[in-house]
């Protein structure tokens, strides 16, 4: 079986995009990224996942020259935009490896929507709204209630992923109970 070819993506601010045929093929198969104007745009967490899996090489243009970014350099750039990127990446990688599809959920007020195994976005709605947090993070009851309200109002289950210092993850599913 031939080895999959690594394709290129370009970082421009917060957008990482590729017009490579492999990017479109990967999107069709696994729903990684979002297709916009015949290009696949990736979030930082998706790009980090693909760099980690050695599927893409991300380049940045500086002073007219393209420079390839290592995983660590891309993580540093992502961390400047999102202080919670490490727990998000750990959870994204873990769930993707287990066969789930994750998409952003910013319009719902959450980090990710998670689709059950075998379900692609558009076939059915996501089952969970996911909030990855680091084990040292603090969450007030008001913040917890807000996250629960977001899940309830979008007719999804609340999933909180707690990431420890080693990158191990504990998942907590929260459901409404009517007494």
N, C-alpha and C. Protein backbone atom coordinates (compact mmCIF):
# COMPACT_ATOMS: atom_id res chain seq x y z
N UNK A 1 0.85 -1.19 0.00
CA UNK A 1 0.00 0.00 0.00
C UNK A 1 0.89 1.24 0.00
N UNK A 2 0.65 2.20 -0.92
CA UNK A 2 1.51 3.38 -0.98
C UNK A 2 1.31 4.27 0.24
N UNK A 3 2.41 4.89 0.67
CA UNK A 3 2.37 5.79 1.81
C UNK A 3 1.66 7.09 1.41
N UNK A 4 0.80 7.60 2.29
CA UNK A 4 0.07 8.83 2.01
C UNK A 4 1.05 9.99 1.91
N UNK A 5 0.80 10.87 0.96
CA UNK A 5 1.66 12.03 0.74
C UNK A 5 1.31 13.14 1.71
N UNK A 6 2.33 13.80 2.25
CA UNK A 6 2.11 14.96 3.11
C UNK A 6 1.79 16.14 2.21
N UNK A 7 0.72 16.88 2.53
CA UNK A 7 0.37 18.04 1.73
C UNK A 7 0.63 19.32 2.51
N UNK A 8 0.71 20.43 1.78
CA UNK A 8 1.05 21.72 2.36
C UNK A 8 -0.19 22.50 2.74
N UNK A 9 -0.04 23.27 3.82
CA UNK A 9 -1.07 24.22 4.25
C UNK A 9 -0.34 25.51 4.61
N UNK A 10 -1.03 26.62 4.47
CA UNK A 10 -0.44 27.94 4.72
C UNK A 10 -1.15 28.58 5.91
N UNK A 11 -0.35 29.13 6.84
CA UNK A 11 -0.88 29.87 7.99
C UNK A 11 -0.93 31.34 7.64
N UNK A 12 -2.13 31.91 7.75
CA UNK A 12 -2.33 33.36 7.56
C UNK A 12 -3.17 33.85 8.73
N UNK A 13 -2.51 34.38 9.74
CA UNK A 13 -3.22 34.84 10.93
C UNK A 13 -3.78 33.67 11.70
N UNK A 14 -5.11 33.57 11.74
CA UNK A 14 -5.78 32.46 12.43
C UNK A 14 -6.22 31.36 11.46
N UNK A 15 -6.05 31.61 10.16
CA UNK A 15 -6.53 30.67 9.16
C UNK A 15 -5.37 29.84 8.64
N UNK A 16 -5.58 28.54 8.62
CA UNK A 16 -4.63 27.60 8.04
C UNK A 16 -5.39 26.92 6.92
N UNK A 17 -4.91 27.08 5.68
CA UNK A 17 -5.68 26.53 4.57
C UNK A 17 -4.80 25.81 3.57
N UNK A 18 -5.46 24.92 2.82
CA UNK A 18 -4.79 24.16 1.78
C UNK A 18 -5.74 23.97 0.61
N UNK A 19 -5.18 24.09 -0.59
CA UNK A 19 -5.97 23.79 -1.79
C UNK A 19 -5.51 22.49 -2.43
N UNK A 20 -4.72 21.71 -1.70
CA UNK A 20 -4.22 20.43 -2.21
C UNK A 20 -5.36 19.43 -2.38
N UNK A 21 -5.25 18.61 -3.40
CA UNK A 21 -6.25 17.56 -3.65
C UNK A 21 -6.37 16.66 -2.42
N UNK A 22 -5.24 16.38 -1.76
CA UNK A 22 -5.25 15.52 -0.58
C UNK A 22 -6.08 16.12 0.56
N UNK A 23 -6.09 17.45 0.67
CA UNK A 23 -6.89 18.11 1.70
C UNK A 23 -8.38 17.90 1.44
N UNK A 24 -8.79 18.05 0.18
CA UNK A 24 -10.20 17.82 -0.19
C UNK A 24 -10.57 16.36 0.04
N UNK A 25 -9.69 15.44 -0.36
CA UNK A 25 -9.95 14.01 -0.18
C UNK A 25 -10.09 13.67 1.31
N UNK A 26 -9.20 14.24 2.12
CA UNK A 26 -9.25 13.98 3.57
C UNK A 26 -10.53 14.54 4.17
N UNK A 27 -10.94 15.72 3.72
CA UNK A 27 -12.20 16.30 4.20
C UNK A 27 -13.37 15.38 3.84
N UNK A 28 -13.40 14.91 2.60
CA UNK A 28 -14.50 14.04 2.15
C UNK A 28 -14.59 12.77 2.98
N UNK A 29 -13.44 12.23 3.34
CA UNK A 29 -13.39 10.97 4.07
C UNK A 29 -13.63 11.15 5.57
N UNK A 30 -13.04 12.20 6.17
CA UNK A 30 -13.06 12.29 7.64
C UNK A 30 -13.61 13.60 8.19
N UNK A 31 -14.03 14.50 7.33
CA UNK A 31 -14.58 15.79 7.74
C UNK A 31 -13.60 16.64 8.55
N UNK A 32 -12.31 16.51 8.25
CA UNK A 32 -11.31 17.37 8.88
C UNK A 32 -11.27 18.70 8.15
N UNK A 33 -11.49 19.81 8.87
CA UNK A 33 -11.50 21.14 8.28
C UNK A 33 -12.88 21.52 7.77
N UNK A 34 -12.91 22.66 7.07
CA UNK A 34 -14.13 23.17 6.44
C UNK A 34 -13.77 23.63 5.04
N UNK A 35 -14.55 23.25 4.05
CA UNK A 35 -14.29 23.67 2.68
C UNK A 35 -14.91 25.04 2.44
N UNK A 36 -14.04 25.98 2.00
CA UNK A 36 -14.47 27.35 1.68
C UNK A 36 -13.75 27.76 0.39
N UNK A 37 -14.52 28.08 -0.64
CA UNK A 37 -13.94 28.50 -1.92
C UNK A 37 -12.88 27.53 -2.45
N UNK A 38 -13.20 26.26 -2.47
CA UNK A 38 -12.33 25.21 -3.01
C UNK A 38 -11.03 25.02 -2.23
N UNK A 39 -10.97 25.55 -1.00
CA UNK A 39 -9.83 25.33 -0.11
C UNK A 39 -10.38 24.74 1.18
N UNK A 40 -9.53 23.98 1.86
CA UNK A 40 -9.91 23.45 3.17
C UNK A 40 -9.24 24.32 4.22
N UNK A 41 -10.06 24.91 5.08
CA UNK A 41 -9.56 25.72 6.18
C UNK A 41 -9.56 24.89 7.46
N UNK A 42 -8.47 24.99 8.22
CA UNK A 42 -8.32 24.25 9.45
C UNK A 42 -8.23 25.19 10.63
N UNK A 43 -8.83 24.78 11.74
CA UNK A 43 -8.61 25.48 13.00
C UNK A 43 -7.22 25.11 13.49
N UNK A 44 -6.71 25.83 14.47
CA UNK A 44 -5.40 25.48 15.02
C UNK A 44 -5.37 24.05 15.52
N UNK A 45 -6.42 23.64 16.22
CA UNK A 45 -6.41 22.30 16.81
C UNK A 45 -6.42 21.22 15.72
N UNK A 46 -7.16 21.46 14.64
CA UNK A 46 -7.16 20.50 13.53
C UNK A 46 -5.79 20.44 12.85
N UNK A 47 -5.19 21.61 12.64
CA UNK A 47 -3.87 21.65 12.01
C UNK A 47 -2.83 20.97 12.90
N UNK A 48 -2.88 21.23 14.20
CA UNK A 48 -1.96 20.57 15.13
C UNK A 48 -2.12 19.05 15.06
N UNK A 49 -3.35 18.60 15.02
CA UNK A 49 -3.62 17.17 14.92
C UNK A 49 -3.01 16.58 13.64
N UNK A 50 -3.20 17.28 12.52
CA UNK A 50 -2.68 16.78 11.25
C UNK A 50 -1.15 16.84 11.18
N UNK A 51 -0.56 17.85 11.78
CA UNK A 51 0.91 17.92 11.85
C UNK A 51 1.41 16.78 12.72
N UNK A 52 0.75 16.54 13.85
CA UNK A 52 1.13 15.46 14.75
C UNK A 52 1.03 14.09 14.05
N UNK A 53 0.03 13.93 13.19
CA UNK A 53 -0.18 12.68 12.46
C UNK A 53 0.65 12.61 11.17
N UNK A 54 1.46 13.64 10.93
CA UNK A 54 2.33 13.74 9.75
C UNK A 54 1.51 13.64 8.46
N UNK A 55 0.42 14.38 8.42
CA UNK A 55 -0.44 14.44 7.22
C UNK A 55 -0.21 15.75 6.47
N UNK A 56 0.07 16.85 7.21
CA UNK A 56 0.30 18.14 6.56
C UNK A 56 1.60 18.77 7.07
N UNK A 57 2.09 19.69 6.26
CA UNK A 57 3.20 20.56 6.65
C UNK A 57 2.65 21.97 6.58
N UNK A 58 2.72 22.70 7.69
CA UNK A 58 2.18 24.06 7.74
C UNK A 58 3.32 25.04 7.53
N UNK A 59 3.08 25.98 6.62
CA UNK A 59 4.07 27.00 6.28
C UNK A 59 3.53 28.38 6.62
N UNK A 60 4.44 29.26 6.96
CA UNK A 60 4.11 30.66 7.21
C UNK A 60 4.98 31.49 6.28
N UNK A 61 4.43 32.53 5.69
CA UNK A 61 5.19 33.41 4.82
C UNK A 61 5.65 34.62 5.61
N UNK A 62 6.97 34.81 5.64
CA UNK A 62 7.56 35.97 6.31
C UNK A 62 8.59 36.58 5.37
N UNK A 63 8.43 37.87 5.12
CA UNK A 63 9.35 38.60 4.24
C UNK A 63 9.49 37.91 2.89
N UNK A 64 8.38 37.42 2.38
CA UNK A 64 8.36 36.79 1.06
C UNK A 64 8.87 35.36 1.02
N UNK A 65 9.30 34.82 2.15
CA UNK A 65 9.82 33.45 2.18
C UNK A 65 8.89 32.56 2.98
N UNK A 66 8.72 31.33 2.48
CA UNK A 66 7.89 30.35 3.19
C UNK A 66 8.77 29.59 4.17
N UNK A 67 8.28 29.51 5.41
CA UNK A 67 9.02 28.80 6.45
C UNK A 67 8.11 27.71 7.03
N UNK A 68 8.62 26.48 7.05
CA UNK A 68 7.87 25.36 7.60
C UNK A 68 7.85 25.47 9.12
N UNK A 69 6.66 25.28 9.71
CA UNK A 69 6.51 25.35 11.16
C UNK A 69 6.51 23.95 11.76
N UNK A 70 7.32 23.75 12.78
CA UNK A 70 7.30 22.49 13.52
C UNK A 70 6.02 22.44 14.35
N UNK A 71 5.73 21.28 14.90
CA UNK A 71 4.58 21.14 15.78
C UNK A 71 4.68 22.15 16.93
N UNK A 72 5.86 22.24 17.55
CA UNK A 72 6.04 23.14 18.70
C UNK A 72 5.86 24.61 18.33
N UNK A 73 6.37 25.01 17.17
CA UNK A 73 6.20 26.41 16.72
C UNK A 73 4.73 26.71 16.44
N UNK A 74 4.04 25.75 15.82
CA UNK A 74 2.61 25.94 15.55
C UNK A 74 1.84 26.00 16.86
N UNK A 75 2.21 25.17 17.82
CA UNK A 75 1.57 25.20 19.14
C UNK A 75 1.80 26.55 19.81
N UNK A 76 3.01 27.09 19.72
CA UNK A 76 3.31 28.41 20.30
C UNK A 76 2.43 29.49 19.68
N UNK A 77 2.27 29.45 18.37
CA UNK A 77 1.42 30.44 17.69
C UNK A 77 -0.04 30.26 18.11
N UNK A 78 -0.47 29.03 18.23
CA UNK A 78 -1.85 28.76 18.64
C UNK A 78 -2.07 29.23 20.08
N UNK A 79 -1.10 29.01 20.94
CA UNK A 79 -1.21 29.40 22.36
C UNK A 79 -1.37 30.91 22.51
N UNK A 80 -0.79 31.68 21.60
CA UNK A 80 -0.94 33.15 21.64
C UNK A 80 -2.38 33.55 21.36
N UNK A 81 -3.09 32.74 20.59
CA UNK A 81 -4.49 33.01 20.25
C UNK A 81 -5.46 32.40 21.26
N UNK A 82 -5.03 31.28 21.87
CA UNK A 82 -5.93 30.51 22.74
C UNK A 82 -5.13 29.87 23.87
N UNK A 83 -5.26 30.39 25.06
CA UNK A 83 -4.51 29.90 26.23
C UNK A 83 -4.88 28.45 26.58
N UNK A 84 -6.03 27.99 26.14
CA UNK A 84 -6.52 26.65 26.46
C UNK A 84 -6.25 25.64 25.32
N UNK A 85 -5.32 25.96 24.43
CA UNK A 85 -5.10 25.11 23.25
C UNK A 85 -4.55 23.73 23.61
N UNK A 86 -3.70 23.61 24.62
CA UNK A 86 -3.13 22.30 24.95
C UNK A 86 -4.22 21.31 25.38
N UNK A 87 -5.09 21.64 26.34
CA UNK A 87 -6.17 20.69 26.66
C UNK A 87 -7.08 20.40 25.46
N UNK A 88 -7.36 21.41 24.65
CA UNK A 88 -8.20 21.20 23.46
C UNK A 88 -7.53 20.20 22.51
N UNK A 89 -6.23 20.38 22.28
CA UNK A 89 -5.51 19.48 21.39
C UNK A 89 -5.51 18.05 21.93
N UNK A 90 -5.22 17.89 23.22
CA UNK A 90 -5.18 16.55 23.82
C UNK A 90 -6.51 15.83 23.66
N UNK A 91 -7.59 16.53 23.92
CA UNK A 91 -8.94 15.95 23.83
C UNK A 91 -9.30 15.67 22.37
N UNK A 92 -9.00 16.63 21.49
CA UNK A 92 -9.29 16.45 20.07
C UNK A 92 -8.58 15.20 19.54
N UNK A 93 -7.29 15.09 19.84
CA UNK A 93 -6.50 13.95 19.37
C UNK A 93 -7.06 12.64 19.93
N UNK A 94 -7.38 12.62 21.22
CA UNK A 94 -7.89 11.41 21.85
C UNK A 94 -9.20 10.95 21.21
N UNK A 95 -10.14 11.87 21.05
CA UNK A 95 -11.44 11.48 20.51
C UNK A 95 -11.37 11.15 19.02
N UNK A 96 -10.57 11.88 18.26
CA UNK A 96 -10.40 11.57 16.84
C UNK A 96 -9.80 10.17 16.68
N UNK A 97 -8.80 9.87 17.52
CA UNK A 97 -8.16 8.55 17.48
C UNK A 97 -9.17 7.45 17.80
N UNK A 98 -10.15 7.77 18.62
CA UNK A 98 -11.19 6.78 18.97
C UNK A 98 -12.31 6.70 17.93
N UNK A 99 -12.25 7.55 16.89
CA UNK A 99 -13.23 7.45 15.82
C UNK A 99 -14.37 8.45 15.86
N UNK A 100 -14.30 9.44 16.75
CA UNK A 100 -15.33 10.47 16.81
C UNK A 100 -14.95 11.64 15.90
N UNK A 101 -15.95 12.35 15.42
CA UNK A 101 -15.71 13.57 14.65
C UNK A 101 -16.05 14.75 15.55
N UNK A 102 -15.11 15.70 15.62
CA UNK A 102 -15.29 16.91 16.41
C UNK A 102 -15.29 18.10 15.46
N UNK A 103 -16.19 19.02 15.69
CA UNK A 103 -16.24 20.26 14.93
C UNK A 103 -16.34 21.39 15.94
N UNK A 104 -15.96 22.59 15.53
CA UNK A 104 -16.05 23.73 16.44
C UNK A 104 -17.50 23.98 16.82
N UNK A 105 -17.68 24.59 17.98
CA UNK A 105 -19.04 24.88 18.46
C UNK A 105 -19.13 26.30 19.01
N UNK A 106 -18.34 27.20 18.43
CA UNK A 106 -18.32 28.57 18.93
C UNK A 106 -19.69 29.23 18.88
N UNK A 107 -20.46 28.96 17.82
CA UNK A 107 -21.78 29.59 17.72
C UNK A 107 -22.74 29.07 18.79
N UNK A 108 -22.40 27.93 19.39
CA UNK A 108 -23.20 27.39 20.50
C UNK A 108 -22.65 27.83 21.85
N UNK A 109 -21.50 28.50 21.86
CA UNK A 109 -20.90 28.91 23.12
C UNK A 109 -20.10 27.80 23.77
N UNK A 110 -19.60 26.85 22.96
CA UNK A 110 -18.80 25.73 23.48
C UNK A 110 -17.55 25.60 22.62
N UNK A 111 -16.67 24.69 23.02
CA UNK A 111 -15.45 24.47 22.26
C UNK A 111 -15.67 23.54 21.07
N UNK A 112 -16.36 22.41 21.31
CA UNK A 112 -16.56 21.43 20.25
C UNK A 112 -17.96 20.84 20.29
N UNK A 113 -18.41 20.40 19.09
CA UNK A 113 -19.54 19.50 18.97
C UNK A 113 -18.92 18.14 18.70
N UNK A 114 -19.45 17.09 19.30
CA UNK A 114 -18.91 15.75 19.10
C UNK A 114 -20.01 14.87 18.54
N UNK A 115 -19.67 14.22 17.42
CA UNK A 115 -20.60 13.32 16.75
C UNK A 115 -20.30 11.89 17.15
N UNK A 116 -21.34 11.10 17.29
CA UNK A 116 -21.16 9.69 17.63
C UNK A 116 -20.35 9.00 16.53
N UNK A 117 -19.71 7.90 16.89
CA UNK A 117 -18.92 7.15 15.93
C UNK A 117 -19.77 6.77 14.72
N UNK A 118 -19.19 6.95 13.55
CA UNK A 118 -19.87 6.58 12.31
C UNK A 118 -20.81 7.64 11.77
N UNK A 119 -21.00 8.73 12.50
CA UNK A 119 -21.91 9.80 12.07
C UNK A 119 -21.08 10.98 11.57
N UNK A 120 -21.41 11.46 10.38
CA UNK A 120 -20.74 12.64 9.84
C UNK A 120 -21.66 13.84 9.99
N UNK A 121 -21.06 15.03 10.21
CA UNK A 121 -21.90 16.23 10.29
C UNK A 121 -22.79 16.34 9.06
N UNK A 122 -24.05 16.66 9.29
CA UNK A 122 -25.02 16.73 8.21
C UNK A 122 -25.90 15.50 8.14
N UNK A 123 -25.40 14.36 8.62
CA UNK A 123 -26.21 13.14 8.64
C UNK A 123 -27.16 13.18 9.83
N UNK A 124 -26.64 13.54 10.98
CA UNK A 124 -27.39 13.69 12.22
C UNK A 124 -26.76 14.82 13.01
N UNK A 125 -27.44 15.24 14.04
CA UNK A 125 -26.88 16.28 14.90
C UNK A 125 -25.83 15.68 15.84
N UNK A 126 -24.94 16.53 16.32
CA UNK A 126 -23.94 16.10 17.30
C UNK A 126 -24.65 15.65 18.57
N UNK A 127 -24.06 14.69 19.27
CA UNK A 127 -24.64 14.21 20.52
C UNK A 127 -24.20 15.06 21.71
N UNK A 128 -22.95 15.54 21.68
CA UNK A 128 -22.40 16.25 22.83
C UNK A 128 -21.90 17.64 22.46
N UNK A 129 -21.94 18.50 23.46
CA UNK A 129 -21.21 19.77 23.47
C UNK A 129 -20.06 19.52 24.44
N UNK A 130 -18.83 19.83 24.00
CA UNK A 130 -17.63 19.47 24.75
C UNK A 130 -16.84 20.69 25.20
N UNK A 131 -16.45 20.67 26.47
CA UNK A 131 -15.59 21.70 27.05
C UNK A 131 -14.33 21.03 27.61
N UNK A 132 -13.18 21.14 26.94
CA UNK A 132 -11.93 20.62 27.51
C UNK A 132 -11.38 21.63 28.52
N UNK A 133 -10.93 21.14 29.67
CA UNK A 133 -10.33 22.00 30.69
C UNK A 133 -9.09 21.32 31.26
N UNK A 134 -8.18 22.12 31.75
CA UNK A 134 -6.99 21.58 32.42
C UNK A 134 -7.38 21.27 33.86
N UNK A 135 -6.75 20.26 34.44
CA UNK A 135 -7.10 19.83 35.80
C UNK A 135 -6.92 20.93 36.85
N UNK A 136 -6.08 21.92 36.58
CA UNK A 136 -5.87 23.00 37.54
C UNK A 136 -6.86 24.15 37.35
N UNK A 137 -7.69 24.07 36.32
CA UNK A 137 -8.69 25.12 36.08
C UNK A 137 -9.77 25.09 37.15
N UNK A 138 -10.30 26.23 37.42
CA UNK A 138 -11.41 26.33 38.37
C UNK A 138 -12.67 26.69 37.60
N UNK A 139 -13.75 26.09 38.03
CA UNK A 139 -15.04 26.32 37.39
C UNK A 139 -16.03 26.64 38.50
N UNK A 140 -16.63 27.82 38.42
CA UNK A 140 -17.63 28.17 39.44
C UNK A 140 -18.94 27.46 39.13
N UNK A 141 -19.83 27.43 40.10
CA UNK A 141 -21.15 26.83 39.87
C UNK A 141 -21.91 27.59 38.79
N UNK A 142 -21.71 28.91 38.73
CA UNK A 142 -22.38 29.70 37.70
C UNK A 142 -21.85 29.33 36.31
N UNK A 143 -20.53 29.13 36.18
CA UNK A 143 -19.96 28.73 34.91
C UNK A 143 -20.43 27.32 34.53
N UNK A 144 -20.46 26.44 35.51
CA UNK A 144 -20.93 25.07 35.26
C UNK A 144 -22.39 25.09 34.81
N UNK A 145 -23.21 25.87 35.49
CA UNK A 145 -24.63 25.98 35.12
C UNK A 145 -24.77 26.55 33.71
N UNK A 146 -23.92 27.52 33.36
CA UNK A 146 -23.95 28.10 32.02
C UNK A 146 -23.63 27.07 30.96
N UNK A 147 -22.63 26.24 31.21
CA UNK A 147 -22.27 25.19 30.26
C UNK A 147 -23.41 24.18 30.13
N UNK A 148 -24.03 23.87 31.24
CA UNK A 148 -25.16 22.94 31.24
C UNK A 148 -26.34 23.53 30.46
N UNK A 149 -26.58 24.82 30.62
CA UNK A 149 -27.66 25.49 29.89
C UNK A 149 -27.40 25.47 28.38
N UNK A 150 -26.13 25.70 27.99
CA UNK A 150 -25.77 25.66 26.57
C UNK A 150 -26.10 24.28 26.00
N UNK A 151 -25.70 23.24 26.69
CA UNK A 151 -25.97 21.88 26.21
C UNK A 151 -27.47 21.62 26.13
N UNK A 152 -28.18 21.99 27.18
CA UNK A 152 -29.63 21.74 27.22
C UNK A 152 -30.35 22.51 26.12
N UNK A 153 -29.99 23.78 25.92
CA UNK A 153 -30.69 24.60 24.92
C UNK A 153 -30.39 24.15 23.49
N UNK A 154 -29.28 23.45 23.27
CA UNK A 154 -28.94 22.94 21.94
C UNK A 154 -29.33 21.47 21.77
N UNK A 155 -30.01 20.93 22.79
CA UNK A 155 -30.48 19.53 22.77
C UNK A 155 -29.32 18.55 22.62
N UNK A 156 -28.25 18.83 23.36
CA UNK A 156 -27.08 17.96 23.36
C UNK A 156 -26.70 17.63 24.79
N UNK A 157 -25.92 16.58 24.94
CA UNK A 157 -25.41 16.22 26.26
C UNK A 157 -24.16 17.06 26.53
N UNK A 158 -23.92 17.37 27.79
CA UNK A 158 -22.73 18.11 28.19
C UNK A 158 -21.60 17.13 28.48
N UNK A 159 -20.46 17.36 27.87
CA UNK A 159 -19.28 16.54 28.09
C UNK A 159 -18.14 17.47 28.50
N UNK A 160 -17.59 17.20 29.67
CA UNK A 160 -16.44 17.97 30.16
C UNK A 160 -15.25 17.02 30.17
N UNK A 161 -14.16 17.43 29.53
CA UNK A 161 -12.94 16.62 29.47
C UNK A 161 -11.89 17.31 30.32
N UNK A 162 -11.39 16.60 31.33
CA UNK A 162 -10.39 17.14 32.25
C UNK A 162 -9.05 16.54 31.88
N UNK A 163 -8.09 17.41 31.50
CA UNK A 163 -6.77 16.98 31.05
C UNK A 163 -5.76 17.24 32.17
N UNK A 164 -4.99 16.20 32.53
CA UNK A 164 -3.99 16.37 33.58
C UNK A 164 -2.64 16.76 32.98
N UNK A 165 -1.63 16.91 33.84
CA UNK A 165 -0.30 17.36 33.42
C UNK A 165 0.34 16.43 32.39
N UNK A 166 0.03 15.14 32.43
CA UNK A 166 0.62 14.18 31.50
C UNK A 166 -0.17 14.06 30.20
N UNK A 167 -1.29 14.76 30.11
CA UNK A 167 -2.13 14.68 28.92
C UNK A 167 -3.18 13.59 29.01
N UNK A 168 -3.29 12.93 30.18
CA UNK A 168 -4.35 11.93 30.37
C UNK A 168 -5.68 12.66 30.56
N UNK A 169 -6.75 12.02 30.12
CA UNK A 169 -8.05 12.69 30.07
C UNK A 169 -9.11 11.88 30.80
N UNK A 170 -9.90 12.58 31.61
CA UNK A 170 -11.09 12.00 32.23
C UNK A 170 -12.29 12.72 31.63
N UNK A 171 -13.28 11.95 31.19
CA UNK A 171 -14.48 12.52 30.59
C UNK A 171 -15.63 12.44 31.58
N UNK A 172 -16.37 13.53 31.67
CA UNK A 172 -17.53 13.60 32.56
C UNK A 172 -18.72 14.02 31.72
N UNK A 173 -19.71 13.13 31.64
CA UNK A 173 -20.94 13.44 30.91
C UNK A 173 -21.99 13.86 31.93
N UNK A 174 -22.60 15.00 31.66
CA UNK A 174 -23.60 15.55 32.56
C UNK A 174 -24.96 15.48 31.88
N UNK A 175 -25.94 14.90 32.59
CA UNK A 175 -27.28 14.79 32.03
C UNK A 175 -28.29 15.40 33.01
N UNK A 176 -29.36 15.90 32.45
CA UNK A 176 -30.46 16.43 33.25
C UNK A 176 -31.26 15.26 33.80
N UNK A 177 -31.67 15.37 35.04
CA UNK A 177 -32.55 14.37 35.64
C UNK A 177 -33.78 15.10 36.14
N UNK A 178 -34.92 14.60 35.77
CA UNK A 178 -36.18 15.19 36.26
C UNK A 178 -36.65 14.34 37.44
N UNK A 179 -36.74 14.96 38.63
CA UNK A 179 -37.17 14.18 39.82
C UNK A 179 -38.63 13.78 39.74
